[in-house]
Amino acid sequence: MAQQRGQDIFARLAERGEDVIGRITDMPGAQKLVENANQLKERVDELQRKVRGLDALERRVDSLEKKVDELSKASKPARKPAPKRAAKPKPKPQP
């Protein structure tokens, strides 16, 4: 009996939902609302795809930063500064 009653409730809800959806198309401005809702869904889906791609980019940036750090440490050998040459004195102009 409980299952039959539960099925009746769901069947009635489904019928009501279909009736409401059918009436929405008759309402002024409803078509614009439906179009905007669909556009919003598409934009959210696109945004989710882009955000998922950020994780891979962050991993790549981290690995590249580590490589740059390693290369910058390896390219800094202990160099002695070049000795400074004594500046040549400029000849004095003769009067």
Protein backbone atom coordinates (compact mmCIF):
# COMPACT_ATOMS: atom_id res chain seq x y z
CA MET A 1 0.00 0.00 0.00
CA ALA A 2 2.84 2.41 0.88
CA GLN A 3 4.59 1.71 -2.43
CA GLN A 4 1.40 2.32 -4.38
CA ARG A 5 0.77 5.55 -2.53
CA GLY A 6 4.41 6.64 -3.11
CA GLN A 7 4.09 5.96 -6.80
CA ASP A 8 0.90 7.99 -6.91
CA ILE A 9 2.66 10.97 -5.36
CA PHE A 10 5.53 10.80 -7.82
CA ALA A 11 3.18 10.33 -10.75
CA ARG A 12 1.15 13.35 -9.66
CA LEU A 13 4.30 15.44 -9.23
CA ALA A 14 5.51 14.41 -12.68
CA GLU A 15 2.17 15.39 -14.22
CA ARG A 16 2.21 18.74 -12.44
CA GLY A 17 5.76 19.36 -13.59
CA GLU A 18 4.80 18.68 -17.18
CA ASP A 19 1.83 21.03 -16.85
CA VAL A 20 4.03 23.80 -15.44
CA ILE A 21 6.60 23.37 -18.20
CA GLY A 22 3.83 23.54 -20.78
CA ARG A 23 2.46 26.74 -19.26
CA ILE A 24 5.86 28.45 -19.08
CA THR A 25 6.00 28.69 -22.85
CA ASP A 26 2.72 30.65 -22.81
CA MET A 27 4.04 33.24 -20.36
CA PRO A 28 5.45 36.48 -21.80
CA GLY A 29 9.19 36.72 -21.33
CA ALA A 30 9.51 33.06 -20.42
CA GLN A 31 11.35 32.24 -23.65
CA LYS A 32 13.98 34.87 -22.81
CA LEU A 33 14.32 33.39 -19.32
CA VAL A 34 14.83 29.89 -20.73
CA GLU A 35 17.43 31.18 -23.22
CA ASN A 36 19.32 33.01 -20.48
CA ALA A 37 19.28 29.92 -18.28
CA ASN A 38 20.72 27.83 -21.11
CA GLN A 39 23.42 30.43 -21.82
CA LEU A 40 24.33 30.50 -18.13
CA LYS A 41 24.66 26.72 -18.09
CA GLU A 42 26.95 26.80 -21.13
CA ARG A 43 29.11 29.54 -19.60
CA VAL A 44 29.43 27.69 -16.31
CA ASP A 45 30.45 24.52 -18.16
CA GLU A 46 33.10 26.45 -20.10
CA LEU A 47 34.38 28.07 -16.92
CA GLN A 48 34.67 24.67 -15.22
CA ARG A 49 36.75 23.33 -18.13
CA LYS A 50 39.09 26.30 -17.91
CA VAL A 51 39.48 26.04 -14.15
CA ARG A 52 40.30 22.34 -14.42
CA GLY A 53 43.11 23.26 -16.82
CA LEU A 54 44.68 25.59 -14.25
CA ASP A 55 45.85 22.71 -12.06
CA ALA A 56 47.99 21.30 -14.86
CA LEU A 57 49.43 24.74 -15.59
CA GLU A 58 50.32 25.28 -11.93
CA ARG A 59 52.18 21.96 -11.86
CA ARG A 60 54.10 22.92 -15.00
CA VAL A 61 55.02 26.33 -13.57
CA ASP A 62 56.23 24.73 -10.34
CA SER A 63 58.46 22.28 -12.20
CA LEU A 64 59.84 25.03 -14.42
CA GLU A 65 60.60 27.21 -11.39
CA LYS A 66 62.54 24.34 -9.83
CA LYS A 67 64.53 23.86 -13.04
CA VAL A 68 65.34 27.56 -13.23
CA ASP A 69 66.51 27.53 -9.62
CA GLU A 70 68.74 24.51 -10.28
CA LEU A 71 70.18 26.06 -13.43
CA SER A 72 70.82 29.40 -11.75
CA LYS A 73 72.68 27.68 -8.91
CA ALA A 74 74.74 25.59 -11.32
CA SER A 75 75.67 28.57 -13.51
CA LYS A 76 77.16 30.57 -10.63
CA PRO A 77 80.70 29.21 -10.32
CA ALA A 78 82.99 30.86 -7.82
CA ARG A 79 84.65 33.53 -9.96
CA LYS A 80 87.28 35.89 -8.86
CA PRO A 81 86.68 39.43 -9.87
CA ALA A 82 88.97 40.65 -12.64
CA PRO A 83 91.81 42.83 -11.36
CA LYS A 84 91.24 46.49 -11.94
CA ARG A 85 93.61 48.14 -14.31
CA ALA A 86 95.21 51.36 -13.35
CA ALA A 87 93.80 54.23 -15.28
CA LYS A 88 96.23 55.89 -17.64
CA PRO A 89 96.77 59.52 -16.84
CA LYS A 90 95.55 61.87 -19.51
CA PRO A 91 98.25 63.94 -21.11
CA LYS A 92 98.17 67.54 -20.08
CA PRO A 93 97.62 70.01 -22.85
CA GLN A 94 100.64 72.23 -23.44
CA PRO A 95 100.06 75.96 -23.43
